[in-house]
Amino acid sequence: MPVILQGGVLLREGVVLLREAGVESAAGDARRLLAHALKIAPDRLTLALHDPVDEAAQARFRTYIAARSQFRPVAQITGERLFWGRPFRVTSDTLDPRPETEVLIEHALAAPFERVLDLGTGTGCILLTLLAEMQSAQGLGVDVSSAALAVAQTNALDLGLQQRAEFCLSDWFSSVSGQFDLIVSNPPYIAEDEMAGLSRDVRDWEPHLALTPGGDGLSPYQRIAEGLARYLAPAGRVLFEIGPTQGKAVCDFLEHQGLEECRIWPDLDGRDRVVAARRPA
């Protein structure tokens, strides 16, 4: 006879297993994974904790808990992450969209734009969020990973933005033409000697190509800065996500290329997170 357990019993089982594995966010992760196993919204889980869970859902949940016990990110297990209030598909070929990146969105939306270029688009979360919020805009997302571009294209379809978003395989500007009045990028910026200190969720499961360029982590900013004279329209803006110690160096790259009004903005934890500058009119 199959053992039919209540949702609350399963949840406690999952929390215990994750804590034993050393997962710091055990309780919250187990809740998200149980909701996913039950195929309900996470905010509905409390109402379902006293309900019996069938064998198939129990098996799904235990598979998810086993994966999380190996520090696989929850977003890779569930296949999506909310970003700026919208669901984005996530795979092991893309970075997991993070709340800190929403700081870039906030400042990019502070002024209007018509053409936006997203360098290293990954899931497309930056480009597609900007297009969803600025409904007259068109955009191009580029990446060196064809697998990541496939995820971004799927996200564009899911969000109904495929008519205004294009994607192409490109090493930064190598396949790009034309000018844009907004250029954004969350490039790989982690220094090579910092990789060992990353959490296992990131170090073991997210694509290293999207995490670090090697060295001091600054080379993508310099390469992009050198292309701005050709691809950033007069009076256009550029916004980068940065590591918390990189603001001054990135501003120096931009100012060396003649950009003005360089600003550094912090994230909600007070760490430098976004650099922005403008090309003279």
Protein backbone atom coordinates (compact mmCIF):
# COMPACT_ATOMS: atom_id res chain seq x y z
CA MET A 1 0.00 0.00 0.00
CA PRO A 2 1.37 3.44 -0.92
CA VAL A 3 2.00 5.81 2.00
CA ILE A 4 0.08 9.02 1.43
CA LEU A 5 1.62 11.87 3.39
CA GLN A 6 0.32 15.35 4.10
CA GLY A 7 2.13 18.27 2.53
CA GLY A 8 3.33 19.51 5.90
CA VAL A 9 4.99 16.19 6.69
CA LEU A 10 6.79 16.21 3.35
CA LEU A 11 7.86 19.79 3.87
CA ARG A 12 9.44 18.99 7.24
CA GLU A 13 11.22 16.00 5.68
CA GLY A 14 12.65 18.23 2.95
CA VAL A 15 13.82 20.92 5.37
CA VAL A 16 15.65 18.35 7.50
CA LEU A 17 17.41 16.84 4.49
CA LEU A 18 18.50 20.22 3.16
CA ARG A 19 19.80 21.33 6.54
CA GLU A 20 21.76 18.10 6.89
CA ALA A 21 23.29 18.82 3.46
CA GLY A 22 24.36 22.29 4.62
CA VAL A 23 21.91 24.35 2.57
CA GLU A 24 21.50 27.63 4.47
CA SER A 25 18.16 28.54 2.89
CA ALA A 26 16.66 25.12 3.63
CA ALA A 27 13.20 26.20 4.79
CA GLY A 28 12.50 28.63 1.97
CA ASP A 29 13.97 26.33 -0.67
CA ALA A 30 11.92 23.36 0.53
CA ARG A 31 8.74 25.44 0.35
CA ARG A 32 9.45 26.53 -3.22
CA LEU A 33 10.28 22.99 -4.28
CA LEU A 34 7.18 21.51 -2.65
CA ALA A 35 4.98 24.09 -4.36
CA HIS A 36 6.64 23.20 -7.66
CA ALA A 37 6.12 19.48 -7.03
CA LEU A 38 2.45 20.13 -6.25
CA LYS A 39 2.16 22.38 -9.34
CA ILE A 40 0.75 25.28 -7.33
CA ALA A 41 1.89 28.86 -6.81
CA PRO A 42 4.26 29.26 -3.82
CA ASP A 43 1.86 31.66 -2.14
CA ARG A 44 -0.78 28.90 -2.14
CA LEU A 45 1.39 26.35 -0.37
CA THR A 46 0.23 27.09 3.18
CA LEU A 47 -3.34 26.21 2.20
CA ALA A 48 -2.18 22.82 0.87
CA LEU A 49 -0.04 21.64 3.79
CA HIS A 50 -2.85 19.61 5.36
CA ASP A 51 -3.84 17.94 2.07
CA PRO A 52 -2.65 14.43 1.14
CA VAL A 53 0.09 14.32 -1.51
CA ASP A 54 -0.09 11.60 -4.14
CA GLU A 55 2.83 9.30 -4.92
CA ALA A 56 3.85 11.10 -8.11
CA ALA A 57 4.12 14.47 -6.37
CA GLN A 58 6.00 12.89 -3.47
CA ALA A 59 8.50 11.41 -5.93
CA ARG A 60 8.92 14.76 -7.70
CA PHE A 61 9.54 16.56 -4.42
CA ARG A 62 12.14 14.04 -3.25
CA THR A 63 13.92 14.29 -6.59
CA TYR A 64 14.02 18.08 -6.26
CA ILE A 65 15.29 17.86 -2.67
CA ALA A 66 18.03 15.45 -3.75
CA ALA A 67 19.11 17.90 -6.47
CA ARG A 68 19.09 20.85 -4.06
CA SER A 69 21.11 18.80 -1.58
CA GLN A 70 23.82 18.80 -4.26
CA PHE A 71 23.52 22.62 -4.28
CA ARG A 72 21.86 22.80 -7.65
CA PRO A 73 20.13 26.23 -7.72
CA VAL A 74 16.40 26.21 -7.09
CA ALA A 75 15.81 28.15 -10.31
CA GLN A 76 17.52 25.42 -12.34
CA ILE A 77 15.39 22.77 -10.62
CA THR A 78 12.09 24.60 -11.15
CA GLY A 79 13.22 25.98 -14.51
CA GLU A 80 12.32 29.61 -13.83
CA ARG A 81 13.04 32.68 -11.74
CA LEU A 82 10.96 35.79 -11.15
CA PHE A 83 12.70 39.01 -12.21
CA TRP A 84 11.04 42.43 -12.02
CA GLY A 85 7.79 40.55 -11.39
CA ARG A 86 7.96 38.35 -14.51
CA PRO A 87 8.90 34.66 -14.84
CA PHE A 88 12.04 33.86 -16.84
CA ARG A 89 13.12 30.41 -17.88
CA VAL A 90 16.50 29.42 -16.48
CA THR A 91 18.85 26.57 -17.43
CA SER A 92 22.40 25.54 -16.61
CA ASP A 93 23.44 27.49 -19.74
CA THR A 94 22.45 30.84 -18.21
CA LEU A 95 23.06 32.87 -15.10
CA ASP A 96 20.23 32.86 -12.60
CA PRO A 97 18.65 36.36 -12.72
CA ARG A 98 19.38 38.08 -9.43
CA PRO A 99 17.57 40.81 -7.49
CA GLU A 100 20.68 43.02 -7.55
CA THR A 101 20.38 43.31 -11.32
CA GLU A 102 17.03 45.05 -10.87
CA VAL A 103 19.05 48.13 -9.82
CA LEU A 104 20.24 48.35 -13.44
CA ILE A 105 16.65 48.11 -14.67
CA GLU A 106 15.55 50.88 -12.32
CA HIS A 107 18.15 53.33 -13.60
CA ALA A 108 17.82 52.32 -17.26
CA LEU A 109 14.12 53.15 -17.09
CA ALA A 110 14.81 56.58 -15.63
CA ALA A 111 14.99 58.06 -19.16
CA PRO A 112 13.26 57.06 -22.42
CA PHE A 113 14.96 55.03 -25.16
CA GLU A 114 13.98 53.61 -28.53
CA ARG A 115 16.79 51.16 -29.39
CA VAL A 116 18.53 49.09 -26.73
CA LEU A 117 21.45 46.67 -27.01
CA ASP A 118 22.06 44.04 -24.32
CA LEU A 119 25.58 42.63 -24.43
CA GLY A 120 25.82 39.14 -22.91
CA THR A 121 22.06 38.73 -22.70
CA GLY A 122 21.90 35.26 -21.05
CA THR A 123 18.24 34.60 -20.20
CA GLY A 124 17.35 37.94 -21.81
CA CYS A 125 15.99 39.18 -18.49
CA ILE A 126 17.50 42.66 -18.79
CA LEU A 127 16.58 43.27 -22.43
CA LEU A 128 13.10 41.78 -22.18
CA THR A 129 12.25 43.59 -18.96
CA LEU A 130 13.29 46.90 -20.51
CA LEU A 131 11.19 46.23 -23.62
CA ALA A 132 8.19 45.16 -21.54
CA GLU A 133 8.40 48.39 -19.55
CA MET A 134 9.20 50.69 -22.52
CA GLN A 135 6.56 49.59 -24.99
CA SER A 136 7.74 51.71 -27.92
CA ALA A 137 11.29 50.34 -27.81
CA GLN A 138 13.06 47.74 -29.96
CA GLY A 139 16.04 45.73 -28.78
CA LEU A 140 18.89 43.39 -29.66
CA GLY A 141 20.41 40.84 -27.29
CA VAL A 142 23.74 39.20 -28.09
CA ASP A 143 25.69 36.38 -26.47
CA VAL A 144 28.58 34.08 -27.30
CA SER A 145 26.50 31.08 -26.14
CA SER A 146 24.00 29.72 -28.65
CA ALA A 147 22.38 27.71 -25.81
CA ALA A 148 21.82 30.89 -23.80
CA LEU A 149 20.36 32.63 -26.85
CA ALA A 150 17.86 29.78 -27.25
CA VAL A 151 16.71 30.39 -23.67
CA ALA A 152 16.41 34.13 -24.29
CA GLN A 153 14.38 33.55 -27.45
CA THR A 154 12.03 31.26 -25.54
CA ASN A 155 11.61 33.91 -22.86
CA ALA A 156 10.80 36.49 -25.52
CA LEU A 157 8.07 34.21 -26.90
CA ASP A 158 6.69 33.48 -23.44
CA LEU A 159 6.45 37.21 -22.70
CA GLY A 160 4.99 38.11 -26.10
CA LEU A 161 8.00 40.27 -26.99
CA GLN A 162 9.31 38.36 -30.00
CA GLN A 163 8.26 41.15 -32.41
CA ARG A 164 10.41 43.74 -30.66
CA ALA A 165 13.37 41.63 -29.49
CA GLU A 166 16.07 40.21 -31.75
CA PHE A 167 18.94 37.96 -30.74
CA CYS A 168 22.21 37.06 -32.40
CA LEU A 169 25.41 35.18 -31.70
CA SER A 170 28.13 37.75 -31.13
CA ASP A 171 31.35 38.24 -29.18
CA TRP A 172 30.38 41.61 -27.73
CA PHE A 173 30.06 43.92 -30.78
CA SER A 174 31.50 41.53 -33.39
CA SER A 175 28.15 40.85 -35.15
CA VAL A 176 26.42 44.12 -34.20
CA SER A 177 25.61 46.94 -36.60
CA GLY A 178 23.97 50.33 -36.18
CA GLN A 179 23.71 52.59 -33.17
CA PHE A 180 21.67 52.35 -29.98
CA ASP A 181 20.51 55.02 -27.58
CA LEU A 182 20.85 52.60 -24.66
CA ILE A 183 23.51 49.91 -24.20
CA VAL A 184 23.32 47.65 -21.15
CA SER A 185 25.43 44.75 -19.96
CA ASN A 186 25.89 42.42 -17.02
CA PRO A 187 29.17 40.94 -18.25
CA PRO A 188 31.30 38.29 -16.53
CA TYR A 189 33.17 40.33 -13.92
CA ILE A 190 34.31 38.02 -11.12
CA ALA A 191 38.10 38.01 -10.75
CA GLU A 192 39.78 34.66 -11.32
CA ASP A 193 41.12 34.51 -7.75
CA GLU A 194 37.59 35.09 -6.36
CA MET A 195 36.02 32.08 -8.05
CA ALA A 196 37.02 29.62 -5.33
CA GLY A 197 35.18 31.73 -2.75
CA LEU A 198 31.82 31.64 -4.53
CA SER A 199 28.95 29.64 -3.08
CA ARG A 200 28.63 26.09 -4.40
CA ASP A 201 25.29 27.01 -5.99
CA VAL A 202 27.13 29.43 -8.29
CA ARG A 203 30.58 27.88 -8.63
CA ASP A 204 29.41 24.33 -9.35
CA TRP A 205 26.28 24.97 -11.38
CA GLU A 206 26.32 28.28 -13.27
CA PRO A 207 28.29 28.70 -16.52
CA HIS A 208 31.82 29.90 -15.77
CA LEU A 209 31.91 31.70 -19.12
CA ALA A 210 29.21 34.04 -17.78
CA LEU A 211 30.87 34.47 -14.38
CA THR A 212 34.51 35.31 -14.99
CA PRO A 213 36.66 36.53 -17.87
CA GLY A 214 39.77 35.60 -15.90
CA GLY A 215 42.34 38.00 -14.51
CA ASP A 216 40.96 40.92 -12.53
CA GLY A 217 37.48 40.65 -14.08
CA LEU A 218 37.67 44.05 -15.79
CA SER A 219 38.51 43.13 -19.39
CA PRO A 220 34.87 43.02 -20.67
CA TYR A 221 34.26 46.58 -19.50
CA GLN A 222 37.33 47.83 -21.33
CA ARG A 223 36.38 46.01 -24.54
CA ILE A 224 32.84 47.33 -24.45
CA ALA A 225 34.00 50.86 -23.63
CA GLU A 226 36.28 50.82 -26.68
CA GLY A 227 33.30 50.07 -28.95
CA LEU A 228 30.97 52.73 -27.63
CA ALA A 229 32.13 55.48 -30.00
CA ARG A 230 30.82 53.37 -32.89
CA TYR A 231 27.69 51.79 -31.40
CA LEU A 232 26.36 54.25 -28.81
CA ALA A 233 24.34 57.06 -30.38
CA PRO A 234 25.13 60.69 -29.47
CA ALA A 235 23.54 61.49 -26.10
CA GLY A 236 23.03 57.74 -25.60
CA ARG A 237 23.50 56.02 -22.26
CA VAL A 238 25.44 52.95 -21.16
CA LEU A 239 24.76 51.00 -17.96
CA PHE A 240 26.84 48.15 -16.54
CA GLU A 241 26.35 45.85 -13.61
CA ILE A 242 29.65 45.71 -11.72
CA GLY A 243 31.33 43.97 -8.83
CA PRO A 244 31.41 46.02 -5.61
CA THR A 245 35.07 47.11 -5.99
CA GLN A 246 35.05 47.88 -9.72
CA GLY A 247 33.19 51.18 -9.98
CA LYS A 248 36.15 53.54 -10.25
CA ALA A 249 38.00 51.40 -12.80
CA VAL A 250 34.91 51.10 -15.00
CA CYS A 251 34.27 54.86 -14.81
CA ASP A 252 37.88 55.42 -15.83
CA PHE A 253 37.40 53.22 -18.93
CA LEU A 254 34.28 55.17 -19.91
CA GLU A 255 35.75 58.61 -19.30
CA HIS A 256 38.85 57.65 -21.29
CA GLN A 257 36.51 57.04 -24.25
CA GLY A 258 34.99 60.50 -23.86
CA LEU A 259 31.80 59.59 -21.98
CA GLU A 260 30.39 62.00 -19.42
CA GLU A 261 28.22 62.04 -16.29
CA CYS A 262 29.64 58.79 -14.95
CA ARG A 263 27.67 57.65 -11.90
CA ILE A 264 27.91 54.68 -9.54
CA TRP A 265 24.75 53.39 -7.83
CA PRO A 266 24.55 50.91 -4.94
CA ASP A 267 22.26 47.91 -4.52
CA LEU A 268 19.91 47.45 -1.56
CA ASP A 269 22.82 46.13 0.54
CA GLY A 270 24.77 49.36 -0.04
CA ARG A 271 27.37 47.79 -2.33
CA ASP A 272 28.34 49.47 -5.60
CA ARG A 273 26.30 47.68 -8.27
CA VAL A 274 25.70 49.80 -11.40
CA VAL A 275 27.83 52.23 -13.40
CA ALA A 276 26.15 54.57 -15.88
CA ALA A 277 27.49 57.20 -18.25
CA ARG A 278 26.35 59.23 -21.26
CA ARG A 279 27.93 59.97 -24.62
CA PRO A 280 28.05 63.71 -25.39
CA ALA A 281 25.30 64.92 -27.70
